[in-house]
Amino acid sequence: MMKREVKHRVLILGASGFLGGAIYKELCSYFKTFGTYNTSNKEHEKNKHFFQYNMEEDDVYEILEIVKPTIVISTLRGDFSAQLVAHQHLAEYVFTNKIKLIFISSANVFDAYSKYPSYETDKTLSNSIYGHFKIKIENMLLRMPKKQVAILRLPMVFGAQSPRIIEMLENIKEKEPIEVFPNLIMNVTNDIKVTQQVHYIINRNKSGVFHLGSSDLVHHDDFIKEIVDSFEFNNKVTYKNVYTTNDDRYLAVLPKYNLLPKHLQLVSQQIVSELKL
C-alpha cells in the first residue's frame, strides 16, 4: 500500500478536465482529494469525492463549506465572467480561512511581449482576451498574503490525452491539415511533469509565482512535426502554416527565481519521448 500523507484536504476545481484530472490522479493516493465536474457523468456521480459544479449557476462557497479544504487548486475553464466571480468568492474564502490556493495560469499573461521570453517577476501584459482574463485573476490573488497563493504559469501542455494531441490525431485521421505557427518560439510541458510539480509545491508548502515550462525553447512548427513523426503514421500528414507576424515571436515562461529541483525540470525532448510510449 502507498503511504498516505493525509495532512491536507485538497479540492480541485475542474477535476474532470485534462489537467485537473491528471492532478487528481497524482494526489488522491496521498491526500484526501476532492474534485468538481461540470457535465453530468456516471463515473463522477458514483465517486463520493466528486461534486457537480456549474460555475454560472452554483456558488463555489457551497462546495468549499462541504469539503473544508486546506488547499484549493483551480484548473477551471469556461465563461470568463463566471470564472471571475468564482475566483473572487474563492479568494475571500481562502483569505478568511487561512488556507492555500494554487491557481493554474498561462504563458498568455505575457502575449503582448513578443521579443523575448518572460520570467516570474516580469510585468504581465496581454493582447488576448484569454491573457487579459488570467491577468485579472492573477492581480486579485497577488494582493493576498504571499504564503496563501501559488500562481503556476504554464506554456502549451501536451500529453497522450491532451486536447492538442487528440485534435492532431483527429486531423490526421480525417486527412485535415495540422495548424503550425512557424514564427512562434515557445517552451512546452506535459501533464506528467505538471502533476509532479504541483505535488512538490504542496509537500514543500511553496508559494509565489512559478514558471513551469521546459528549460529549452522550440519553434512551434518543428516541435509539432517532431511529435507527429514520432507517431510513425503511414499516411501523409499535411500542415497549414499560420503566420501572425513576419518576425519570430516568443511565448515562453522561463524560471529564474523560483527554481524547482533538477528532477522536476524538463526539456522538450522528454515530452516527445513520453508521447511515444
Protein backbone atom coordinates (compact mmCIF):
# COMPACT_ATOMS: atom_id res chain seq x y z
CA MET A 1 0.00 0.00 0.00
CA MET A 2 1.18 3.50 -0.74
CA LYS A 3 1.88 5.69 2.22
CA ARG A 4 -0.87 8.25 2.69
CA GLU A 5 0.15 11.78 3.61
CA VAL A 6 -3.28 12.84 4.79
CA LYS A 7 -2.29 16.17 6.33
CA HIS A 8 -4.18 18.05 3.59
CA ARG A 9 -7.68 18.08 2.20
CA VAL A 10 -7.32 19.10 -1.43
CA LEU A 11 -10.14 20.40 -3.62
CA ILE A 12 -9.51 20.53 -7.38
CA LEU A 13 -11.90 22.83 -9.24
CA GLY A 14 -12.21 21.46 -12.76
CA ALA A 15 -11.08 17.92 -11.90
CA SER A 16 -12.95 16.46 -14.88
CA GLY A 17 -10.75 18.36 -17.36
CA PHE A 18 -7.49 17.08 -18.83
CA LEU A 19 -5.10 18.78 -16.40
CA GLY A 20 -7.43 18.76 -13.37
CA GLY A 21 -7.97 15.02 -13.87
CA ALA A 22 -4.22 14.36 -14.11
CA ILE A 23 -3.61 16.34 -10.88
CA TYR A 24 -6.43 14.41 -9.14
CA LYS A 25 -4.84 11.06 -10.13
CA GLU A 26 -1.43 12.21 -8.86
CA LEU A 27 -2.68 13.46 -5.47
CA CYS A 28 -5.52 11.12 -4.50
CA SER A 29 -3.24 8.38 -3.08
CA TYR A 30 -1.52 10.87 -0.78
CA PHE A 31 -4.15 13.37 0.36
CA LYS A 32 -7.88 13.42 0.92
CA THR A 33 -8.62 14.74 -2.57
CA PHE A 34 -11.94 16.08 -3.91
CA GLY A 35 -12.86 17.41 -7.32
CA THR A 36 -15.60 19.18 -9.26
CA TYR A 37 -17.07 18.34 -12.64
CA ASN A 38 -19.44 20.33 -14.80
CA THR A 39 -21.20 17.94 -17.20
CA SER A 40 -23.19 15.02 -15.76
CA ASN A 41 -21.08 11.89 -15.82
CA LYS A 42 -21.83 8.45 -14.35
CA GLU A 43 -18.24 7.85 -13.21
CA HIS A 44 -18.05 11.15 -11.34
CA GLU A 45 -21.53 10.79 -9.85
CA LYS A 46 -20.50 7.43 -8.31
CA ASN A 47 -17.34 8.95 -6.83
CA LYS A 48 -18.24 10.41 -3.43
CA HIS A 49 -15.25 12.75 -3.72
CA PHE A 50 -16.64 14.49 -6.80
CA PHE A 51 -19.17 17.32 -6.78
CA GLN A 52 -21.11 18.65 -9.72
CA TYR A 53 -20.41 22.36 -10.04
CA ASN A 54 -21.74 24.70 -12.71
CA MET A 55 -19.86 27.96 -12.38
CA GLU A 56 -22.62 30.01 -13.96
CA GLU A 57 -25.34 28.72 -11.63
CA ASP A 58 -23.71 27.39 -8.45
CA ASP A 59 -21.82 29.23 -5.74
CA VAL A 60 -18.40 27.75 -5.08
CA TYR A 61 -18.95 28.54 -1.37
CA GLU A 62 -21.33 25.60 -1.01
CA ILE A 63 -18.68 23.07 -2.09
CA LEU A 64 -15.99 24.80 -0.01
CA GLU A 65 -18.24 24.53 3.06
CA ILE A 66 -18.82 20.80 2.48
CA VAL A 67 -15.20 19.86 1.68
CA LYS A 68 -13.44 22.26 4.07
CA PRO A 69 -10.22 22.05 2.08
CA THR A 70 -6.78 23.14 3.28
CA ILE A 71 -5.65 23.57 -0.35
CA VAL A 72 -7.72 24.52 -3.39
CA ILE A 73 -6.31 24.00 -6.89
CA SER A 74 -8.11 25.94 -9.62
CA THR A 75 -7.94 24.46 -13.12
CA LEU A 76 -11.34 25.91 -14.08
CA ARG A 77 -12.23 26.62 -17.70
CA GLY A 78 -15.29 28.18 -19.28
CA ASP A 79 -17.10 31.50 -19.24
CA PHE A 80 -14.66 34.24 -18.20
CA SER A 81 -17.05 36.44 -16.24
CA ALA A 82 -18.42 33.43 -14.31
CA GLN A 83 -14.83 32.40 -13.57
CA LEU A 84 -14.01 35.88 -12.27
CA VAL A 85 -16.91 35.78 -9.81
CA ALA A 86 -15.96 32.23 -8.74
CA HIS A 87 -12.37 33.29 -8.08
CA GLN A 88 -13.49 36.37 -6.13
CA HIS A 89 -15.51 34.11 -3.81
CA LEU A 90 -12.68 31.63 -3.69
CA ALA A 91 -10.14 34.31 -2.76
CA GLU A 92 -12.39 35.54 0.07
CA TYR A 93 -12.78 32.01 1.42
CA VAL A 94 -9.05 31.26 1.17
CA PHE A 95 -8.15 34.53 2.90
CA THR A 96 -10.71 34.16 5.69
CA ASN A 97 -9.94 30.51 6.42
CA LYS A 98 -6.17 30.97 6.11
CA ILE A 99 -5.83 28.13 3.61
CA LYS A 100 -3.93 27.99 0.32
CA LEU A 101 -4.88 28.47 -3.33
CA ILE A 102 -2.90 27.09 -6.27
CA PHE A 103 -4.01 28.84 -9.46
CA ILE A 104 -3.18 27.42 -12.88
CA SER A 105 -2.35 30.40 -15.09
CA SER A 106 -0.89 30.67 -18.56
CA ALA A 107 2.04 31.99 -20.58
CA ASN A 108 -0.60 34.15 -22.30
CA VAL A 109 -0.34 36.70 -19.49
CA PHE A 110 2.77 37.81 -21.45
CA ASP A 111 1.48 37.51 -25.00
CA ALA A 112 1.95 41.23 -25.68
CA TYR A 113 5.73 40.83 -25.24
CA SER A 114 6.92 39.02 -28.32
CA LYS A 115 10.59 39.94 -28.39
CA TYR A 116 11.87 37.74 -25.55
CA PRO A 117 10.92 35.01 -23.06
CA SER A 118 9.30 36.04 -19.75
CA TYR A 119 10.45 35.47 -16.16
CA GLU A 120 8.49 35.30 -12.89
CA THR A 121 8.83 38.95 -11.87
CA ASP A 122 8.26 40.45 -15.34
CA LYS A 123 5.25 42.71 -15.68
CA THR A 124 2.26 40.97 -17.26
CA LEU A 125 0.74 42.42 -20.43
CA SER A 126 -1.54 40.70 -22.89
CA ASN A 127 -3.20 41.41 -26.23
CA SER A 128 -5.59 38.47 -26.00
CA ILE A 129 -8.92 38.20 -24.17
CA TYR A 130 -7.71 34.98 -22.56
CA GLY A 131 -4.45 36.56 -21.37
CA HIS A 132 -6.32 39.63 -20.03
CA PHE A 133 -8.63 37.42 -18.05
CA LYS A 134 -5.79 35.39 -16.50
CA ILE A 135 -4.01 38.67 -15.54
CA LYS A 136 -7.19 39.90 -13.81
CA ILE A 137 -7.31 36.81 -11.61
CA GLU A 138 -3.54 36.87 -11.00
CA ASN A 139 -3.69 40.51 -9.86
CA MET A 140 -6.54 39.72 -7.50
CA LEU A 141 -4.54 36.83 -5.97
CA LEU A 142 -1.29 38.79 -5.77
CA ARG A 143 -2.98 41.18 -3.34
CA MET A 144 -3.47 38.31 -0.89
CA PRO A 145 -0.90 37.26 1.74
CA LYS A 146 2.01 35.75 -0.22
CA LYS A 147 2.06 32.48 1.76
CA GLN A 148 -1.53 31.70 0.75
CA VAL A 149 -1.10 31.74 -3.01
CA ALA A 150 0.88 29.87 -5.66
CA ILE A 151 0.44 31.00 -9.28
CA LEU A 152 1.62 28.43 -11.81
CA ARG A 153 2.12 29.85 -15.30
CA LEU A 154 2.11 27.10 -17.90
CA PRO A 155 3.12 27.14 -21.57
CA MET A 156 1.39 24.75 -24.02
CA VAL A 157 0.68 21.47 -22.21
CA PHE A 158 0.95 18.18 -24.09
CA GLY A 159 0.16 14.61 -23.03
CA ALA A 160 -1.34 11.46 -24.53
CA GLN A 161 -4.87 12.53 -23.53
CA SER A 162 -4.37 16.27 -24.04
CA PRO A 163 -6.89 18.13 -26.23
CA ARG A 164 -4.00 19.23 -28.51
CA ILE A 165 -2.80 15.70 -29.22
CA ILE A 166 -6.34 14.35 -29.61
CA GLU A 167 -7.10 17.10 -32.13
CA MET A 168 -3.88 16.38 -34.06
CA LEU A 169 -4.71 12.66 -34.28
CA GLU A 170 -8.24 13.53 -35.39
CA ASN A 171 -6.87 15.81 -38.14
CA ILE A 172 -4.52 13.09 -39.36
CA LYS A 173 -7.35 10.53 -39.42
CA GLU A 174 -9.64 12.92 -41.32
CA LYS A 175 -6.75 13.95 -43.65
CA GLU A 176 -7.13 17.54 -42.45
CA PRO A 177 -4.02 19.76 -42.22
CA ILE A 178 -2.49 20.43 -38.79
CA GLU A 179 -2.03 24.13 -38.00
CA VAL A 180 1.51 25.20 -37.12
CA PHE A 181 2.96 28.61 -36.25
CA PRO A 182 6.43 28.77 -37.85
CA ASN A 183 7.38 32.08 -36.20
CA LEU A 184 6.37 31.10 -32.67
CA ILE A 185 9.22 30.34 -30.25
CA MET A 186 7.89 28.77 -27.07
CA ASN A 187 8.60 26.34 -24.28
CA VAL A 188 6.35 23.39 -23.53
CA THR A 189 5.39 20.95 -20.80
CA ASN A 190 3.29 17.84 -20.23
CA ASP A 191 0.72 16.63 -17.72
CA ILE A 192 3.15 14.14 -16.14
CA LYS A 193 5.62 16.84 -15.13
CA VAL A 194 3.00 19.43 -14.09
CA THR A 195 1.33 16.99 -11.69
CA GLN A 196 4.67 16.11 -10.08
CA GLN A 197 5.48 19.82 -9.74
CA VAL A 198 2.10 20.53 -8.10
CA HIS A 199 2.68 17.65 -5.66
CA TYR A 200 6.10 19.06 -4.76
CA ILE A 201 4.70 22.59 -4.26
CA ILE A 202 2.09 21.17 -1.85
CA ASN A 203 4.57 18.98 0.05
CA ARG A 204 7.13 21.76 0.48
CA ASN A 205 4.48 24.37 1.17
CA LYS A 206 5.82 26.60 -1.61
CA SER A 207 4.14 29.86 -2.59
CA GLY A 208 4.68 32.67 -5.11
CA VAL A 209 4.87 32.65 -8.89
CA PHE A 210 6.22 29.61 -10.75
CA HIS A 211 7.09 29.27 -14.44
CA LEU A 212 6.66 25.60 -15.22
CA GLY A 213 7.88 25.14 -18.77
CA SER A 214 10.74 23.22 -20.38
CA SER A 215 14.18 24.73 -19.86
CA ASP A 216 14.75 24.84 -23.64
CA LEU A 217 12.86 26.76 -26.33
CA VAL A 218 11.39 25.27 -29.51
CA HIS A 219 9.76 26.54 -32.69
CA HIS A 220 6.09 25.56 -32.71
CA ASP A 221 6.21 24.04 -36.22
CA ASP A 222 9.37 21.98 -35.56
CA PHE A 223 8.03 20.66 -32.28
CA ILE A 224 4.63 19.64 -33.67
CA LYS A 225 6.29 17.93 -36.67
CA GLU A 226 8.61 16.06 -34.33
CA ILE A 227 5.63 14.81 -32.31
CA VAL A 228 3.78 13.72 -35.47
CA ASP A 229 6.92 11.94 -36.80
CA SER A 230 7.18 10.04 -33.52
CA PHE A 231 3.69 8.57 -34.13
CA GLU A 232 5.05 6.90 -37.29
CA PHE A 233 1.93 7.21 -39.44
CA ASN A 234 1.86 5.56 -42.83
CA ASN A 235 -0.36 8.18 -44.44
CA LYS A 236 1.00 11.56 -45.45
CA VAL A 237 0.43 14.34 -42.92
CA THR A 238 -0.16 17.88 -44.16
CA TYR A 239 0.48 21.14 -42.32
CA LYS A 240 -1.01 24.57 -42.61
CA ASN A 241 1.43 27.38 -41.79
CA VAL A 242 -0.18 30.22 -39.86
CA TYR A 243 1.77 33.48 -39.83
CA THR A 244 0.61 36.07 -37.31
CA THR A 245 3.72 38.19 -37.89
CA ASN A 246 6.76 38.23 -40.17
CA ASP A 247 9.17 38.16 -37.23
CA ASP A 248 9.88 35.50 -34.68
CA ARG A 249 7.73 35.97 -31.59
CA TYR A 250 8.25 34.47 -28.16
CA LEU A 251 5.63 32.97 -25.89
CA ALA A 252 7.80 31.29 -23.28
CA VAL A 253 7.78 31.28 -19.48
CA LEU A 254 11.22 30.57 -18.03
CA PRO A 255 12.08 30.30 -14.33
CA LYS A 256 14.81 32.48 -12.86
CA TYR A 257 13.93 32.86 -9.16
CA ASN A 258 11.55 30.04 -8.22
CA LEU A 259 13.56 27.09 -9.48
CA LEU A 260 12.33 23.58 -8.72
CA PRO A 261 14.79 20.68 -8.10
CA LYS A 262 16.53 19.10 -11.10
CA HIS A 263 14.26 16.04 -11.24
CA LEU A 264 11.24 18.33 -11.65
CA GLN A 265 12.69 20.25 -14.59
CA LEU A 266 12.28 19.01 -18.15
CA VAL A 267 13.42 19.53 -21.73
CA SER A 268 11.12 19.39 -24.74
CA GLN A 269 12.64 16.11 -25.96
CA GLN A 270 11.28 14.31 -22.89
CA ILE A 271 7.74 15.25 -23.93
CA VAL A 272 8.21 13.72 -27.37
CA SER A 273 9.74 10.55 -25.85
CA GLU A 274 6.90 10.16 -23.34
CA LEU A 275 4.26 10.55 -26.06
CA LYS A 276 5.89 7.67 -27.96
CA LEU A 277 5.35 5.19 -25.12
